[in-house]
N, C-alpha and C. Protein backbone atom coordinates (compact mmCIF):
# COMPACT_ATOMS: atom_id res chain seq x y z
N GLN A 1 -5.73 7.50 -17.49
CA GLN A 1 -4.86 6.48 -16.92
C GLN A 1 -4.16 7.05 -15.68
N VAL A 2 -4.23 6.31 -14.61
CA VAL A 2 -3.58 6.70 -13.37
C VAL A 2 -2.49 5.69 -13.07
N GLN A 3 -1.28 6.18 -12.89
CA GLN A 3 -0.15 5.30 -12.60
C GLN A 3 0.21 5.38 -11.12
N LEU A 4 0.60 4.25 -10.59
CA LEU A 4 1.05 4.15 -9.20
C LEU A 4 2.48 3.67 -9.17
N VAL A 5 3.31 4.34 -8.40
CA VAL A 5 4.71 3.94 -8.27
C VAL A 5 5.03 3.76 -6.79
N GLU A 6 5.44 2.54 -6.44
CA GLU A 6 5.79 2.23 -5.06
C GLU A 6 7.29 2.34 -4.86
N SER A 7 7.67 2.55 -3.62
CA SER A 7 9.09 2.53 -3.24
C SER A 7 9.19 2.20 -1.76
N GLY A 8 10.40 1.83 -1.34
CA GLY A 8 10.65 1.65 0.07
C GLY A 8 10.83 0.22 0.54
N GLY A 9 10.66 -0.75 -0.34
CA GLY A 9 10.87 -2.13 0.08
C GLY A 9 12.34 -2.43 0.31
N GLY A 10 12.60 -3.63 0.81
CA GLY A 10 13.99 -4.02 1.04
C GLY A 10 14.08 -5.20 1.97
N LEU A 11 15.29 -5.42 2.46
CA LEU A 11 15.60 -6.53 3.37
C LEU A 11 15.80 -5.98 4.77
N VAL A 12 15.14 -6.59 5.74
CA VAL A 12 15.25 -6.12 7.11
C VAL A 12 15.23 -7.34 8.03
N GLN A 13 15.85 -7.20 9.18
CA GLN A 13 15.82 -8.29 10.17
C GLN A 13 14.51 -8.27 10.93
N ALA A 14 14.13 -9.42 11.46
CA ALA A 14 12.92 -9.51 12.27
C ALA A 14 12.99 -8.50 13.41
N GLY A 15 11.85 -7.84 13.62
CA GLY A 15 11.78 -6.79 14.62
C GLY A 15 12.06 -5.41 14.08
N GLY A 16 12.53 -5.34 12.86
CA GLY A 16 12.86 -4.06 12.26
C GLY A 16 11.67 -3.37 11.63
N SER A 17 11.94 -2.24 10.97
CA SER A 17 10.89 -1.42 10.38
C SER A 17 11.23 -1.04 8.95
N LEU A 18 10.18 -0.82 8.19
CA LEU A 18 10.30 -0.28 6.83
C LEU A 18 9.13 0.65 6.58
N ARG A 19 9.32 1.58 5.68
CA ARG A 19 8.24 2.48 5.29
C ARG A 19 8.09 2.43 3.77
N LEU A 20 6.90 2.06 3.32
CA LEU A 20 6.60 2.02 1.90
C LEU A 20 5.87 3.30 1.50
N SER A 21 6.10 3.73 0.26
CA SER A 21 5.39 4.87 -0.29
C SER A 21 4.76 4.47 -1.62
N CYS A 22 3.66 5.13 -1.95
CA CYS A 22 2.98 4.90 -3.23
C CYS A 22 2.46 6.24 -3.71
N ALA A 23 2.94 6.68 -4.86
CA ALA A 23 2.53 7.96 -5.43
C ALA A 23 1.72 7.74 -6.69
N ALA A 24 0.60 8.43 -6.78
CA ALA A 24 -0.28 8.34 -7.95
C ALA A 24 -0.06 9.54 -8.85
N SER A 25 -0.07 9.29 -10.16
CA SER A 25 0.08 10.38 -11.11
C SER A 25 -0.84 10.15 -12.30
N GLY A 26 -1.19 11.24 -12.97
CA GLY A 26 -2.08 11.17 -14.13
C GLY A 26 -2.72 12.52 -14.33
N ARG A 27 -3.79 12.54 -15.11
CA ARG A 27 -4.50 13.78 -15.38
C ARG A 27 -5.96 13.67 -15.01
N ASP A 28 -6.49 14.72 -14.42
CA ASP A 28 -7.94 14.84 -14.19
C ASP A 28 -8.51 13.66 -13.43
N PHE A 29 -7.87 13.31 -12.36
CA PHE A 29 -8.37 12.19 -11.59
C PHE A 29 -8.58 12.56 -10.13
N SER A 30 -9.43 11.81 -9.49
CA SER A 30 -9.60 11.92 -8.05
C SER A 30 -9.60 10.49 -7.49
N ILE A 31 -9.08 10.36 -6.30
CA ILE A 31 -8.92 9.03 -5.71
C ILE A 31 -9.82 8.89 -4.49
N ASN A 32 -10.49 7.77 -4.41
CA ASN A 32 -11.27 7.45 -3.21
C ASN A 32 -10.42 6.53 -2.32
N TYR A 33 -10.64 5.26 -2.41
CA TYR A 33 -9.90 4.34 -1.57
C TYR A 33 -8.50 4.11 -2.11
N MET A 34 -7.54 4.05 -1.20
CA MET A 34 -6.20 3.60 -1.51
C MET A 34 -5.83 2.50 -0.52
N SER A 35 -5.17 1.50 -1.04
CA SER A 35 -4.91 0.32 -0.21
C SER A 35 -3.53 -0.25 -0.48
N TRP A 36 -3.08 -1.04 0.47
CA TRP A 36 -1.89 -1.87 0.30
C TRP A 36 -2.34 -3.33 0.35
N TYR A 37 -1.83 -4.09 -0.60
CA TYR A 37 -2.00 -5.54 -0.63
C TYR A 37 -0.62 -6.18 -0.58
N ARG A 38 -0.60 -7.47 -0.30
CA ARG A 38 0.66 -8.21 -0.38
C ARG A 38 0.40 -9.61 -0.88
N GLN A 39 1.45 -10.17 -1.48
CA GLN A 39 1.36 -11.52 -2.01
C GLN A 39 2.68 -12.24 -1.79
N ALA A 40 2.61 -13.30 -1.02
CA ALA A 40 3.78 -14.15 -0.79
C ALA A 40 3.77 -15.28 -1.81
N PRO A 41 4.94 -15.85 -2.12
CA PRO A 41 5.00 -16.94 -3.10
C PRO A 41 4.07 -18.08 -2.72
N GLY A 42 3.25 -18.51 -3.69
CA GLY A 42 2.33 -19.61 -3.45
C GLY A 42 1.03 -19.22 -2.79
N ASN A 43 0.92 -17.95 -2.42
CA ASN A 43 -0.30 -17.47 -1.76
C ASN A 43 -1.06 -16.52 -2.66
N SER A 44 -2.34 -16.33 -2.37
CA SER A 44 -3.12 -15.34 -3.10
C SER A 44 -2.85 -13.94 -2.52
N ARG A 45 -3.19 -12.94 -3.30
CA ARG A 45 -2.97 -11.58 -2.84
C ARG A 45 -3.96 -11.25 -1.72
N GLU A 46 -3.47 -10.62 -0.67
CA GLU A 46 -4.33 -10.31 0.47
C GLU A 46 -4.28 -8.82 0.79
N LEU A 47 -5.42 -8.33 1.26
CA LEU A 47 -5.51 -6.93 1.65
C LEU A 47 -4.80 -6.72 2.98
N VAL A 48 -3.95 -5.70 3.02
CA VAL A 48 -3.21 -5.37 4.24
C VAL A 48 -3.87 -4.21 4.97
N ALA A 49 -4.13 -3.13 4.23
CA ALA A 49 -4.69 -1.93 4.87
C ALA A 49 -5.34 -1.05 3.81
N THR A 50 -6.35 -0.31 4.23
CA THR A 50 -7.08 0.61 3.37
C THR A 50 -7.27 1.93 4.08
N ILE A 51 -7.27 3.02 3.30
CA ILE A 51 -7.52 4.35 3.86
C ILE A 51 -8.45 5.12 2.92
N THR A 52 -9.42 5.81 3.51
CA THR A 52 -10.35 6.63 2.75
C THR A 52 -9.82 8.05 2.62
N PRO A 53 -10.44 8.88 1.78
CA PRO A 53 -9.98 10.28 1.68
C PRO A 53 -10.04 11.02 3.02
N GLY A 54 -10.99 10.64 3.85
CA GLY A 54 -11.12 11.30 5.15
C GLY A 54 -10.19 10.76 6.21
N GLY A 55 -9.44 9.70 5.85
CA GLY A 55 -8.46 9.18 6.80
C GLY A 55 -8.92 7.98 7.60
N THR A 56 -10.11 7.46 7.32
CA THR A 56 -10.55 6.25 8.00
C THR A 56 -9.72 5.07 7.51
N THR A 57 -9.25 4.25 8.44
CA THR A 57 -8.36 3.15 8.10
C THR A 57 -8.95 1.81 8.49
N ASN A 58 -8.49 0.79 7.80
CA ASN A 58 -8.86 -0.60 8.09
C ASN A 58 -7.63 -1.46 7.89
N TYR A 59 -7.44 -2.44 8.77
CA TYR A 59 -6.26 -3.28 8.71
C TYR A 59 -6.63 -4.76 8.76
N ALA A 60 -5.80 -5.56 8.13
CA ALA A 60 -5.90 -6.99 8.32
C ALA A 60 -5.52 -7.31 9.77
N SER A 61 -6.14 -8.31 10.33
CA SER A 61 -5.87 -8.62 11.74
C SER A 61 -4.41 -8.99 11.97
N SER A 62 -3.77 -9.54 10.94
CA SER A 62 -2.38 -9.99 11.08
C SER A 62 -1.39 -8.84 11.22
N VAL A 63 -1.80 -7.62 10.83
CA VAL A 63 -0.87 -6.48 10.89
C VAL A 63 -1.34 -5.38 11.84
N GLU A 64 -2.55 -5.49 12.34
CA GLU A 64 -3.09 -4.42 13.20
C GLU A 64 -2.20 -4.25 14.42
N GLY A 65 -1.90 -2.98 14.71
CA GLY A 65 -1.04 -2.68 15.85
C GLY A 65 0.43 -2.60 15.49
N ARG A 66 0.78 -3.13 14.30
CA ARG A 66 2.19 -3.08 13.87
C ARG A 66 2.37 -2.19 12.64
N PHE A 67 1.37 -2.16 11.77
CA PHE A 67 1.44 -1.38 10.54
C PHE A 67 0.53 -0.17 10.66
N THR A 68 0.94 0.93 10.02
CA THR A 68 0.12 2.13 9.98
C THR A 68 0.07 2.67 8.56
N ILE A 69 -1.15 2.82 8.04
CA ILE A 69 -1.32 3.41 6.72
C ILE A 69 -1.68 4.88 6.91
N SER A 70 -1.10 5.72 6.06
CA SER A 70 -1.40 7.15 6.12
C SER A 70 -1.46 7.70 4.70
N ARG A 71 -1.94 8.93 4.59
CA ARG A 71 -2.25 9.46 3.26
C ARG A 71 -1.98 10.95 3.22
N ASP A 72 -1.38 11.40 2.13
CA ASP A 72 -1.19 12.82 1.87
C ASP A 72 -2.01 13.12 0.61
N ASN A 73 -3.21 13.65 0.80
CA ASN A 73 -4.11 13.88 -0.33
C ASN A 73 -3.54 14.90 -1.31
N ALA A 74 -2.82 15.88 -0.81
CA ALA A 74 -2.26 16.92 -1.68
C ALA A 74 -1.23 16.32 -2.64
N LYS A 75 -0.56 15.26 -2.21
CA LYS A 75 0.47 14.63 -3.03
C LYS A 75 -0.02 13.34 -3.68
N ASN A 76 -1.30 12.99 -3.45
CA ASN A 76 -1.83 11.71 -3.97
C ASN A 76 -0.89 10.55 -3.63
N THR A 77 -0.49 10.53 -2.39
CA THR A 77 0.50 9.55 -1.94
C THR A 77 0.01 8.88 -0.67
N ILE A 78 0.24 7.58 -0.58
CA ILE A 78 0.00 6.88 0.67
C ILE A 78 1.29 6.25 1.15
N TYR A 79 1.31 5.93 2.43
CA TYR A 79 2.47 5.34 3.07
C TYR A 79 2.03 4.13 3.88
N LEU A 80 2.94 3.24 4.09
CA LEU A 80 2.71 2.12 5.00
C LEU A 80 3.93 2.00 5.90
N GLN A 81 3.76 2.41 7.14
CA GLN A 81 4.81 2.25 8.14
C GLN A 81 4.67 0.88 8.75
N MET A 82 5.70 0.07 8.61
CA MET A 82 5.66 -1.31 9.08
C MET A 82 6.68 -1.48 10.19
N ASN A 83 6.20 -1.76 11.39
CA ASN A 83 7.06 -1.95 12.55
C ASN A 83 6.96 -3.40 13.03
N SER A 84 7.91 -3.80 13.83
CA SER A 84 7.94 -5.16 14.39
C SER A 84 7.74 -6.20 13.29
N LEU A 85 8.47 -6.05 12.22
CA LEU A 85 8.32 -6.95 11.08
C LEU A 85 8.75 -8.37 11.46
N GLN A 86 8.03 -9.33 10.89
CA GLN A 86 8.28 -10.74 11.13
C GLN A 86 8.50 -11.45 9.80
N PRO A 87 9.17 -12.60 9.81
CA PRO A 87 9.40 -13.33 8.56
C PRO A 87 8.12 -13.58 7.76
N GLU A 88 7.01 -13.78 8.44
CA GLU A 88 5.76 -14.03 7.73
C GLU A 88 5.22 -12.79 7.01
N ASP A 89 5.84 -11.63 7.24
CA ASP A 89 5.47 -10.43 6.49
C ASP A 89 6.17 -10.36 5.13
N THR A 90 7.08 -11.29 4.89
CA THR A 90 7.79 -11.32 3.62
C THR A 90 6.82 -11.52 2.47
N ALA A 91 6.86 -10.60 1.51
CA ALA A 91 5.93 -10.65 0.38
C ALA A 91 6.25 -9.51 -0.57
N ALA A 92 5.65 -9.57 -1.75
CA ALA A 92 5.61 -8.40 -2.63
C ALA A 92 4.42 -7.55 -2.20
N TYR A 93 4.64 -6.28 -1.99
CA TYR A 93 3.59 -5.36 -1.54
C TYR A 93 3.15 -4.49 -2.72
N TYR A 94 1.84 -4.42 -2.90
CA TYR A 94 1.26 -3.69 -4.02
C TYR A 94 0.33 -2.59 -3.53
N CYS A 95 0.42 -1.47 -4.21
CA CYS A 95 -0.47 -0.34 -3.95
C CYS A 95 -1.67 -0.43 -4.89
N ASN A 96 -2.83 -0.06 -4.39
CA ASN A 96 -4.06 -0.07 -5.19
C ASN A 96 -4.80 1.24 -4.97
N ALA A 97 -5.34 1.79 -6.04
CA ALA A 97 -6.12 3.01 -5.94
C ALA A 97 -7.40 2.87 -6.75
N GLN A 98 -8.48 3.39 -6.20
CA GLN A 98 -9.77 3.40 -6.89
C GLN A 98 -10.32 4.81 -6.86
N GLY A 99 -10.83 5.26 -7.99
CA GLY A 99 -11.37 6.61 -8.04
C GLY A 99 -12.05 6.87 -9.35
N ALA A 100 -11.95 8.10 -9.83
CA ALA A 100 -12.63 8.49 -11.07
C ALA A 100 -11.74 9.42 -11.87
N VAL A 101 -11.82 9.26 -13.18
CA VAL A 101 -11.14 10.16 -14.10
C VAL A 101 -12.16 11.11 -14.68
N ARG A 102 -11.82 12.38 -14.71
CA ARG A 102 -12.71 13.43 -15.23
C ARG A 102 -14.04 13.46 -14.50
N GLY A 103 -14.02 13.03 -13.28
CA GLY A 103 -15.18 13.14 -12.41
C GLY A 103 -16.22 12.07 -12.58
N TYR A 104 -16.10 11.22 -13.62
CA TYR A 104 -17.19 10.27 -13.84
C TYR A 104 -16.72 8.88 -14.27
N ARG A 105 -15.53 8.75 -14.80
CA ARG A 105 -15.08 7.46 -15.31
C ARG A 105 -14.32 6.72 -14.23
N PRO A 106 -14.89 5.63 -13.71
CA PRO A 106 -14.20 4.94 -12.61
C PRO A 106 -12.91 4.26 -13.08
N PHE A 107 -11.96 4.19 -12.21
CA PHE A 107 -10.72 3.48 -12.52
C PHE A 107 -10.26 2.71 -11.29
N GLU A 108 -9.46 1.70 -11.54
CA GLU A 108 -8.73 0.99 -10.50
C GLU A 108 -7.33 0.73 -11.04
N SER A 109 -6.34 1.14 -10.30
CA SER A 109 -4.95 0.97 -10.73
C SER A 109 -4.15 0.23 -9.68
N TRP A 110 -3.12 -0.48 -10.18
CA TRP A 110 -2.19 -1.21 -9.32
C TRP A 110 -0.77 -0.73 -9.60
N GLY A 111 0.02 -0.71 -8.55
CA GLY A 111 1.43 -0.46 -8.72
C GLY A 111 2.16 -1.71 -9.17
N GLN A 112 3.46 -1.55 -9.41
CA GLN A 112 4.25 -2.67 -9.93
C GLN A 112 4.71 -3.62 -8.83
N GLY A 113 4.58 -3.19 -7.60
CA GLY A 113 4.97 -4.02 -6.46
C GLY A 113 6.37 -3.69 -5.97
N THR A 114 6.56 -3.84 -4.68
CA THR A 114 7.88 -3.67 -4.07
C THR A 114 8.09 -4.81 -3.08
N GLN A 115 9.28 -5.41 -3.14
CA GLN A 115 9.55 -6.61 -2.34
C GLN A 115 9.98 -6.24 -0.92
N VAL A 116 9.36 -6.90 0.04
CA VAL A 116 9.76 -6.79 1.44
C VAL A 116 10.20 -8.17 1.90
N THR A 117 11.42 -8.27 2.39
CA THR A 117 11.95 -9.53 2.87
C THR A 117 12.41 -9.35 4.31
N VAL A 118 11.89 -10.19 5.21
CA VAL A 118 12.24 -10.11 6.61
C VAL A 118 12.99 -11.38 6.99
N SER A 119 14.21 -11.21 7.44
CA SER A 119 15.03 -12.37 7.82
C SER A 119 14.89 -12.65 9.31
N SER A 120 14.98 -13.92 9.65
CA SER A 120 14.82 -14.31 11.06
C SER A 120 16.14 -14.29 11.81
């Protein structure tokens, strides 16, 4: 079992910045893809950004140029630096990790979510 714990959400004014963190913990695991998703009330969950172990990144078009995902493999932690935040970025943000336990058993884990609210 791999647990993910997010932190860093909060309330910010439009144009402001926030940095989210997601730390993975467990035993005998390795992580491949790590991602951030978000879900606004009444909407489905959407992919925000993904990062591979080698550092290759992918972003949703709505956040490209404003958000930056990064990864510390030694700490099994990813970050999401969010700049120029807009009210439409308001959502619960979730961390996702995919990998293997004991080298062969695939897993996918989700964090509990952290709320980001951007006021206009």
